[in-house]
Amino acid sequence: MSDAHASDDERAARLAAHRKAWNDAHPNYYADYRERNREDIRRKNRDCERERTQREREEKAQRQKGIDRAKAWAKGHPEERQQARER
């Protein structure tokens, strides 16, 4: 068990060293990529934000629908509601 853990640590260290060497050899890669693809990145961010906002709206509407349903039930069943409160 500890041998597998040690090999996992060694592999992680090897990958980290490889990543650091590549980043050192290409210092401007990420900045250049962002510059070249700025519009695409912004479009993707807008789309993701739009989807997140829509998802939040739908979740809020669903919660409100449940609240309204519970209120309607409580209004139509005062005896059951009182019994539930007493329990």
PDB file of N, CA and C in Angstrom:
ATOM      1  N   MET A   1       0.829  -1.186   0.000  1.00  0.00           N
ATOM      2  CA  MET A   1       0.000   0.000   0.000  1.00  0.00           C
ATOM      3  C   MET A   1       0.868   1.242   0.000  1.00  0.00           C
ATOM      4  N   SER A   2       1.900   1.265   0.836  1.00  0.00           N
ATOM      5  CA  SER A   2       2.761   2.441   0.901  1.00  0.00           C
ATOM      6  C   SER A   2       3.610   2.576  -0.357  1.00  0.00           C
ATOM      7  N   ASP A   3       3.908   1.433  -1.028  1.00  0.00           N
ATOM      8  CA  ASP A   3       4.658   1.496  -2.289  1.00  0.00           C
ATOM      9  C   ASP A   3       3.847   2.222  -3.356  1.00  0.00           C
ATOM     10  N   ALA A   4       2.548   1.935  -3.419  1.00  0.00           N
ATOM     11  CA  ALA A   4       1.683   2.600  -4.398  1.00  0.00           C
ATOM     12  C   ALA A   4       1.599   4.085  -4.081  1.00  0.00           C
ATOM     13  N   HIS A   5       1.520   4.417  -2.807  1.00  0.00           N
ATOM     14  CA  HIS A   5       1.434   5.814  -2.404  1.00  0.00           C
ATOM     15  C   HIS A   5       2.722   6.555  -2.756  1.00  0.00           C
ATOM     16  N   ALA A   6       3.845   5.902  -2.543  1.00  0.00           N
ATOM     17  CA  ALA A   6       5.135   6.521  -2.872  1.00  0.00           C
ATOM     18  C   ALA A   6       5.249   6.735  -4.371  1.00  0.00           C
ATOM     19  N   SER A   7       4.805   5.761  -5.155  1.00  0.00           N
ATOM     20  CA  SER A   7       4.889   5.923  -6.606  1.00  0.00           C
ATOM     21  C   SER A   7       3.951   7.032  -7.078  1.00  0.00           C
ATOM     22  N   ASP A   8       2.798   7.185  -6.401  1.00  0.00           N
ATOM     23  CA  ASP A   8       1.885   8.283  -6.741  1.00  0.00           C
ATOM     24  C   ASP A   8       2.546   9.626  -6.450  1.00  0.00           C
ATOM     25  N   ASP A   9       3.228   9.718  -5.318  1.00  0.00           N
ATOM     26  CA  ASP A   9       3.934  10.949  -4.966  1.00  0.00           C
ATOM     27  C   ASP A   9       5.054  11.238  -5.953  1.00  0.00           C
ATOM     28  N   GLU A  10       5.781  10.194  -6.332  1.00  0.00           N
ATOM     29  CA  GLU A  10       6.866  10.372  -7.302  1.00  0.00           C
ATOM     30  C   GLU A  10       6.304  10.833  -8.644  1.00  0.00           C
ATOM     31  N   ARG A  11       5.210  10.220  -9.060  1.00  0.00           N
ATOM     32  CA  ARG A  11       4.598  10.600 -10.342  1.00  0.00           C
ATOM     33  C   ARG A  11       4.126  12.048 -10.295  1.00  0.00           C
ATOM     34  N   ALA A  12       3.489  12.448  -9.200  1.00  0.00           N
ATOM     35  CA  ALA A  12       3.020  13.825  -9.061  1.00  0.00           C
ATOM     36  C   ALA A  12       4.193  14.801  -9.097  1.00  0.00           C
ATOM     37  N   ALA A  13       5.291  14.447  -8.426  1.00  0.00           N
ATOM     38  CA  ALA A  13       6.472  15.311  -8.426  1.00  0.00           C
ATOM     39  C   ALA A  13       7.071  15.403  -9.826  1.00  0.00           C
ATOM     40  N   ARG A  14       7.112  14.274 -10.538  1.00  0.00           N
ATOM     41  CA  ARG A  14       7.647  14.265 -11.906  1.00  0.00           C
ATOM     42  C   ARG A  14       6.795  15.137 -12.818  1.00  0.00           C
ATOM     43  N   LEU A  15       5.472  15.015 -12.692  1.00  0.00           N
ATOM     44  CA  LEU A  15       4.576  15.834 -13.523  1.00  0.00           C
ATOM     45  C   LEU A  15       4.713  17.319 -13.188  1.00  0.00           C
ATOM     46  N   ALA A  16       4.839  17.644 -11.908  1.00  0.00           N
ATOM     47  CA  ALA A  16       4.996  19.038 -11.505  1.00  0.00           C
ATOM     48  C   ALA A  16       6.296  19.607 -12.061  1.00  0.00           C
ATOM     49  N   ALA A  17       7.369  18.808 -12.019  1.00  0.00           N
ATOM     50  CA  ALA A  17       8.648  19.267 -12.562  1.00  0.00           C
ATOM     51  C   ALA A  17       8.542  19.469 -14.073  1.00  0.00           C
ATOM     52  N   HIS A  18       7.861  18.560 -14.745  1.00  0.00           N
ATOM     53  CA  HIS A  18       7.684  18.679 -16.200  1.00  0.00           C
ATOM     54  C   HIS A  18       6.886  19.934 -16.536  1.00  0.00           C
ATOM     55  N   ARG A  19       5.796  20.166 -15.788  1.00  0.00           N
ATOM     56  CA  ARG A  19       4.959  21.351 -16.012  1.00  0.00           C
ATOM     57  C   ARG A  19       5.754  22.634 -15.782  1.00  0.00           C
ATOM     58  N   LYS A  20       6.559  22.655 -14.716  1.00  0.00           N
ATOM     59  CA  LYS A  20       7.362  23.840 -14.415  1.00  0.00           C
ATOM     60  C   LYS A  20       8.385  24.085 -15.510  1.00  0.00           C
ATOM     61  N   ALA A  21       9.035  23.025 -16.003  1.00  0.00           N
ATOM     62  CA  ALA A  21      10.021  23.169 -17.079  1.00  0.00           C
ATOM     63  C   ALA A  21       9.353  23.719 -18.340  1.00  0.00           C
ATOM     64  N   TRP A  22       8.160  23.211 -18.668  1.00  0.00           N
ATOM     65  CA  TRP A  22       7.472  23.691 -19.865  1.00  0.00           C
ATOM     66  C   TRP A  22       7.079  25.154 -19.691  1.00  0.00           C
ATOM     67  N   ASN A  23       6.543  25.507 -18.533  1.00  0.00           N
ATOM     68  CA  ASN A  23       6.149  26.900 -18.288  1.00  0.00           C
ATOM     69  C   ASN A  23       7.357  27.830 -18.317  1.00  0.00           C
ATOM     70  N   ASP A  24       8.492  27.367 -17.798  1.00  0.00           N
ATOM     71  CA  ASP A  24       9.709  28.183 -17.851  1.00  0.00           C
ATOM     72  C   ASP A  24      10.193  28.370 -19.285  1.00  0.00           C
ATOM     73  N   ALA A  25      10.021  27.337 -20.117  1.00  0.00           N
ATOM     74  CA  ALA A  25      10.463  27.411 -21.512  1.00  0.00           C
ATOM     75  C   ALA A  25       9.510  28.251 -22.369  1.00  0.00           C
ATOM     76  N   HIS A  26       8.268  28.414 -21.942  1.00  0.00           N
ATOM     77  CA  HIS A  26       7.258  29.161 -22.708  1.00  0.00           C
ATOM     78  C   HIS A  26       6.607  30.205 -21.798  1.00  0.00           C
ATOM     79  N   PRO A  27       7.340  31.232 -21.408  1.00  0.00           N
ATOM     80  CA  PRO A  27       6.823  32.177 -20.400  1.00  0.00           C
ATOM     81  C   PRO A  27       5.612  32.987 -20.854  1.00  0.00           C
ATOM     82  N   ASN A  28       5.449  33.220 -22.136  1.00  0.00           N
ATOM     83  CA  ASN A  28       4.360  34.079 -22.615  1.00  0.00           C
ATOM     84  C   ASN A  28       3.212  33.311 -23.253  1.00  0.00           C
ATOM     85  N   TYR A  29       3.240  32.002 -23.177  1.00  0.00           N
ATOM     86  CA  TYR A  29       2.256  31.199 -23.889  1.00  0.00           C
ATOM     87  C   TYR A  29       0.826  31.551 -23.472  1.00  0.00           C
ATOM     88  N   TYR A  30       0.558  31.570 -22.165  1.00  0.00           N
ATOM     89  CA  TYR A  30      -0.809  31.784 -21.699  1.00  0.00           C
ATOM     90  C   TYR A  30      -1.284  33.205 -21.985  1.00  0.00           C
ATOM     91  N   ALA A  31      -0.423  34.181 -21.823  1.00  0.00           N
ATOM     92  CA  ALA A  31      -0.803  35.567 -22.123  1.00  0.00           C
ATOM     93  C   ALA A  31      -1.083  35.716 -23.620  1.00  0.00           C
ATOM     94  N   ASP A  32      -0.244  35.094 -24.454  1.00  0.00           N
ATOM     95  CA  ASP A  32      -0.460  35.156 -25.897  1.00  0.00           C
ATOM     96  C   ASP A  32      -1.768  34.463 -26.276  1.00  0.00           C
ATOM     97  N   TYR A  33      -2.029  33.325 -25.671  1.00  0.00           N
ATOM     98  CA  TYR A  33      -3.261  32.598 -25.967  1.00  0.00           C
ATOM     99  C   TYR A  33      -4.478  33.455 -25.621  1.00  0.00           C
ATOM    100  N   ARG A  34      -4.453  34.053 -24.427  1.00  0.00           N
ATOM    101  CA  ARG A  34      -5.586  34.898 -24.024  1.00  0.00           C
ATOM    102  C   ARG A  34      -5.751  36.076 -24.975  1.00  0.00           C
ATOM    103  N   GLU A  35      -4.651  36.654 -25.421  1.00  0.00           N
ATOM    104  CA  GLU A  35      -4.717  37.792 -26.345  1.00  0.00           C
ATOM    105  C   GLU A  35      -5.313  37.356 -27.692  1.00  0.00           C
ATOM    106  N   ARG A  36      -4.858  36.218 -28.208  1.00  0.00           N
ATOM    107  CA  ARG A  36      -5.350  35.735 -29.503  1.00  0.00           C
ATOM    108  C   ARG A  36      -6.817  35.336 -29.446  1.00  0.00           C
ATOM    109  N   ASN A  37      -7.260  34.845 -28.308  1.00  0.00           N
ATOM    110  CA  ASN A  37      -8.610  34.276 -28.206  1.00  0.00           C
ATOM    111  C   ASN A  37      -9.524  35.079 -27.285  1.00  0.00           C
ATOM    112  N   ARG A  38      -9.211  36.329 -27.093  1.00  0.00           N
ATOM    113  CA  ARG A  38      -9.964  37.161 -26.156  1.00  0.00           C
ATOM    114  C   ARG A  38     -11.468  37.159 -26.439  1.00  0.00           C
ATOM    115  N   GLU A  39     -11.851  37.356 -27.682  1.00  0.00           N
ATOM    116  CA  GLU A  39     -13.274  37.427 -28.026  1.00  0.00           C
ATOM    117  C   GLU A  39     -13.970  36.101 -27.767  1.00  0.00           C
ATOM    118  N   ASP A  40     -13.313  34.997 -28.113  1.00  0.00           N
ATOM    119  CA  ASP A  40     -13.900  33.677 -27.884  1.00  0.00           C
ATOM    120  C   ASP A  40     -14.045  33.408 -26.389  1.00  0.00           C
ATOM    121  N   ILE A  41     -13.041  33.777 -25.616  1.00  0.00           N
ATOM    122  CA  ILE A  41     -13.092  33.600 -24.165  1.00  0.00           C
ATOM    123  C   ILE A  41     -14.232  34.425 -23.576  1.00  0.00           C
ATOM    124  N   ARG A  42     -14.366  35.650 -24.014  1.00  0.00           N
ATOM    125  CA  ARG A  42     -15.449  36.506 -23.516  1.00  0.00           C
ATOM    126  C   ARG A  42     -16.816  35.949 -23.892  1.00  0.00           C
ATOM    127  N   ARG A  43     -16.923  35.449 -25.131  1.00  0.00           N
ATOM    128  CA  ARG A  43     -18.198  34.866 -25.579  1.00  0.00           C
ATOM    129  C   ARG A  43     -18.562  33.665 -24.716  1.00  0.00           C
ATOM    130  N   LYS A  44     -17.582  32.812 -24.458  1.00  0.00           N
ATOM    131  CA  LYS A  44     -17.842  31.632 -23.630  1.00  0.00           C
ATOM    132  C   LYS A  44     -18.243  32.039 -22.216  1.00  0.00           C
ATOM    133  N   ASN A  45     -17.575  33.053 -21.679  1.00  0.00           N
ATOM    134  CA  ASN A  45     -17.926  33.531 -20.339  1.00  0.00           C
ATOM    135  C   ASN A  45     -19.348  34.086 -20.311  1.00  0.00           C
ATOM    136  N   ARG A  46     -19.714  34.847 -21.351  1.00  0.00           N
ATOM    137  CA  ARG A  46     -21.077  35.377 -21.418  1.00  0.00           C
ATOM    138  C   ARG A  46     -22.094  34.244 -21.478  1.00  0.00           C
ATOM    139  N   ASP A  47     -21.810  33.248 -22.319  1.00  0.00           N
ATOM    140  CA  ASP A  47     -22.734  32.125 -22.451  1.00  0.00           C
ATOM    141  C   ASP A  47     -22.880  31.371 -21.135  1.00  0.00           C
ATOM    142  N   CYS A  48     -21.769  31.136 -20.462  1.00  0.00           N
ATOM    143  CA  CYS A  48     -21.818  30.423 -19.185  1.00  0.00           C
ATOM    144  C   CYS A  48     -22.596  31.225 -18.148  1.00  0.00           C
ATOM    145  N   GLU A  49     -22.355  32.519 -18.121  1.00  0.00           N
ATOM    146  CA  GLU A  49     -23.060  33.374 -17.153  1.00  0.00           C
ATOM    147  C   GLU A  49     -24.550  33.420 -17.465  1.00  0.00           C
ATOM    148  N   ARG A  50     -24.896  33.477 -18.748  1.00  0.00           N
ATOM    149  CA  ARG A  50     -26.297  33.476 -19.147  1.00  0.00           C
ATOM    150  C   ARG A  50     -26.976  32.175 -18.713  1.00  0.00           C
ATOM    151  N   GLU A  51     -26.297  31.050 -18.933  1.00  0.00           N
ATOM    152  CA  GLU A  51     -26.854  29.756 -18.534  1.00  0.00           C
ATOM    153  C   GLU A  51     -26.996  29.660 -17.019  1.00  0.00           C
ATOM    154  N   ARG A  52     -25.996  30.159 -16.279  1.00  0.00           N
ATOM    155  CA  ARG A  52     -26.053  30.115 -14.820  1.00  0.00           C
ATOM    156  C   ARG A  52     -27.226  30.948 -14.305  1.00  0.00           C
ATOM    157  N   THR A  53     -27.407  32.136 -14.879  1.00  0.00           N
ATOM    158  CA  THR A  53     -28.494  33.015 -14.470  1.00  0.00           C
ATOM    159  C   THR A  53     -29.844  32.364 -14.771  1.00  0.00           C
ATOM    160  N   GLN A  54     -29.964  31.757 -15.945  1.00  0.00           N
ATOM    161  CA  GLN A  54     -31.216  31.086 -16.302  1.00  0.00           C
ATOM    162  C   GLN A  54     -31.494  29.924 -15.351  1.00  0.00           C
ATOM    163  N   ARG A  55     -30.463  29.162 -15.028  1.00  0.00           N
ATOM    164  CA  ARG A  55     -30.611  28.037 -14.103  1.00  0.00           C
ATOM    165  C   ARG A  55     -31.074  28.534 -12.721  1.00  0.00           C
ATOM    166  N   GLU A  56     -30.484  29.645 -12.256  1.00  0.00           N
ATOM    167  CA  GLU A  56     -30.896  30.223 -10.966  1.00  0.00           C
ATOM    168  C   GLU A  56     -32.352  30.671 -11.009  1.00  0.00           C
ATOM    169  N   ARG A  57     -32.774  31.295 -12.119  1.00  0.00           N
ATOM    170  CA  ARG A  57     -34.163  31.729 -12.254  1.00  0.00           C
ATOM    171  C   ARG A  57     -35.111  30.542 -12.187  1.00  0.00           C
ATOM    172  N   GLU A  58     -34.744  29.461 -12.901  1.00  0.00           N
ATOM    173  CA  GLU A  58     -35.603  28.277 -12.909  1.00  0.00           C
ATOM    174  C   GLU A  58     -35.680  27.639 -11.523  1.00  0.00           C
ATOM    175  N   GLU A  59     -34.548  27.592 -10.809  1.00  0.00           N
ATOM    176  CA  GLU A  59     -34.548  27.028  -9.463  1.00  0.00           C
ATOM    177  C   GLU A  59     -35.398  27.881  -8.519  1.00  0.00           C
ATOM    178  N   LYS A  60     -35.299  29.196  -8.654  1.00  0.00           N
ATOM    179  CA  LYS A  60     -36.078  30.092  -7.811  1.00  0.00           C
ATOM    180  C   LYS A  60     -37.571  29.917  -8.097  1.00  0.00           C
ATOM    181  N   ALA A  61     -37.919  29.807  -9.381  1.00  0.00           N
ATOM    182  CA  ALA A  61     -39.318  29.606  -9.755  1.00  0.00           C
ATOM    183  C   ALA A  61     -39.833  28.276  -9.209  1.00  0.00           C
ATOM    184  N   GLN A  62     -38.999  27.246  -9.258  1.00  0.00           N
ATOM    185  CA  GLN A  62     -39.392  25.938  -8.747  1.00  0.00           C
ATOM    186  C   GLN A  62     -39.624  25.988  -7.233  1.00  0.00           C
ATOM    187  N   ARG A  63     -38.722  26.675  -6.522  1.00  0.00           N
ATOM    188  CA  ARG A  63     -38.907  26.824  -5.072  1.00  0.00           C
ATOM    189  C   ARG A  63     -40.195  27.583  -4.764  1.00  0.00           C
ATOM    190  N   GLN A  64     -40.455  28.658  -5.503  1.00  0.00           N
ATOM    191  CA  GLN A  64     -41.657  29.457  -5.284  1.00  0.00           C
ATOM    192  C   GLN A  64     -42.902  28.640  -5.582  1.00  0.00           C
ATOM    193  N   LYS A  65     -42.831  27.813  -6.607  1.00  0.00           N
ATOM    194  CA  LYS A  65     -43.960  26.952  -6.943  1.00  0.00           C
ATOM    195  C   LYS A  65     -44.265  26.007  -5.778  1.00  0.00           C
ATOM    196  N   GLY A  66     -43.229  25.456  -5.152  1.00  0.00           N
ATOM    197  CA  GLY A  66     -43.425  24.585  -3.993  1.00  0.00           C
ATOM    198  C   GLY A  66     -44.015  25.339  -2.818  1.00  0.00           C
ATOM    199  N   ILE A  67     -43.538  26.548  -2.597  1.00  0.00           N
ATOM    200  CA  ILE A  67     -44.060  27.379  -1.512  1.00  0.00           C
ATOM    201  C   ILE A  67     -45.541  27.688  -1.750  1.00  0.00           C
ATOM    202  N   ASP A  68     -45.870  28.083  -2.985  1.00  0.00           N
ATOM    203  CA  ASP A  68     -47.259  28.392  -3.317  1.00  0.00           C
ATOM    204  C   ASP A  68     -48.150  27.163  -3.152  1.00  0.00           C
ATOM    205  N   ARG A  69     -47.644  25.993  -3.564  1.00  0.00           N
ATOM    206  CA  ARG A  69     -48.406  24.760  -3.431  1.00  0.00           C
ATOM    207  C   ARG A  69     -48.666  24.448  -1.953  1.00  0.00           C
ATOM    208  N   ALA A  70     -47.638  24.622  -1.122  1.00  0.00           N
ATOM    209  CA  ALA A  70     -47.791  24.360   0.314  1.00  0.00           C
ATOM    210  C   ALA A  70     -48.793  25.335   0.944  1.00  0.00           C
ATOM    211  N   LYS A  71     -48.740  26.593   0.539  1.00  0.00           N
ATOM    212  CA  LYS A  71     -49.680  27.587   1.081  1.00  0.00           C
ATOM    213  C   LYS A  71     -51.109  27.256   0.669  1.00  0.00           C
ATOM    214  N   ALA A  72     -51.269  26.856  -0.591  1.00  0.00           N
ATOM    215  CA  ALA A  72     -52.612  26.514  -1.067  1.00  0.00           C
ATOM    216  C   ALA A  72     -53.151  25.301  -0.316  1.00  0.00           C
ATOM    217  N   TRP A  73     -52.298  24.314  -0.087  1.00  0.00           N
ATOM    218  CA  TRP A  73     -52.724  23.136   0.661  1.00  0.00           C
ATOM    219  C   TRP A  73     -53.115  23.532   2.081  1.00  0.00           C
ATOM    220  N   ALA A  74     -52.291  24.352   2.715  1.00  0.00           N
ATOM    221  CA  ALA A  74     -52.564  24.758   4.091  1.00  0.00           C
ATOM    222  C   ALA A  74     -53.879  25.526   4.179  1.00  0.00           C
ATOM    223  N   LYS A  75     -54.136  26.341   3.170  1.00  0.00           N
ATOM    224  CA  LYS A  75     -55.372  27.121   3.169  1.00  0.00           C
ATOM    225  C   LYS A  75     -56.593  26.219   2.982  1.00  0.00           C
ATOM    226  N   GLY A  76     -56.431  25.187   2.180  1.00  0.00           N
ATOM    227  CA  GLY A  76     -57.544  24.269   1.900  1.00  0.00           C
ATOM    228  C   GLY A  76     -57.713  23.182   2.940  1.00  0.00           C
ATOM    229  N   HIS A  77     -56.751  22.972   3.811  1.00  0.00           N
ATOM    230  CA  HIS A  77     -56.809  21.901   4.808  1.00  0.00           C
ATOM    231  C   HIS A  77     -56.451  22.442   6.194  1.00  0.00           C
ATOM    232  N   PRO A  78     -57.281  23.309   6.751  1.00  0.00           N
ATOM    233  CA  PRO A  78     -56.921  23.910   8.047  1.00  0.00           C
ATOM    234  C   PRO A  78     -56.864  22.892   9.187  1.00  0.00           C
ATOM    235  N   GLU A  79     -57.724  21.858   9.150  1.00  0.00           N
ATOM    236  CA  GLU A  79     -57.711  20.871  10.228  1.00  0.00           C
ATOM    237  C   GLU A  79     -56.407  20.067  10.221  1.00  0.00           C
ATOM    238  N   GLU A  80     -56.025  19.584   9.035  1.00  0.00           N
ATOM    239  CA  GLU A  80     -54.780  18.813   8.917  1.00  0.00           C
ATOM    240  C   GLU A  80     -53.577  19.661   9.308  1.00  0.00           C
ATOM    241  N   ARG A  81     -53.621  20.906   8.945  1.00  0.00           N
ATOM    242  CA  ARG A  81     -52.504  21.806   9.269  1.00  0.00           C
ATOM    243  C   ARG A  81     -52.394  21.988  10.791  1.00  0.00           C
ATOM    244  N   GLN A  82     -53.541  22.156  11.437  1.00  0.00           N
ATOM    245  CA  GLN A  82     -53.534  22.316  12.881  1.00  0.00           C
ATOM    246  C   GLN A  82     -53.029  21.035  13.557  1.00  0.00           C
ATOM    247  N   GLN A  83     -53.451  19.890  13.057  1.00  0.00           N
ATOM    248  CA  GLN A  83     -52.975  18.622  13.627  1.00  0.00           C
ATOM    249  C   GLN A  83     -51.474  18.464  13.448  1.00  0.00           C
ATOM    250  N   ALA A  84     -50.976  18.878  12.290  1.00  0.00           N
ATOM    251  CA  ALA A  84     -49.532  18.782  12.041  1.00  0.00           C
ATOM    252  C   ALA A  84     -48.775  19.709  12.983  1.00  0.00           C
ATOM    253  N   ARG A  85     -49.336  20.874  13.243  1.00  0.00           N
ATOM    254  CA  ARG A  85     -48.674  21.821  14.165  1.00  0.00           C
ATOM    255  C   ARG A  85     -48.645  21.270  15.592  1.00  0.00           C
ATOM    256  N   GLU A  86     -49.710  20.586  15.966  1.00  0.00           N
ATOM    257  CA  GLU A  86     -49.789  20.051  17.330  1.00  0.00           C
ATOM    258  C   GLU A  86     -48.827  18.884  17.538  1.00  0.00           C
ATOM    259  N   ARG A  87     -48.480  18.173  16.467  1.00  0.00           N
ATOM    260  CA  ARG A  87     -47.566  17.042  16.585  1.00  0.00           C
ATOM    261  C   ARG A  87     -46.173  17.451  16.825  1.00  0.00           C
TER     262      ARG A  87
END
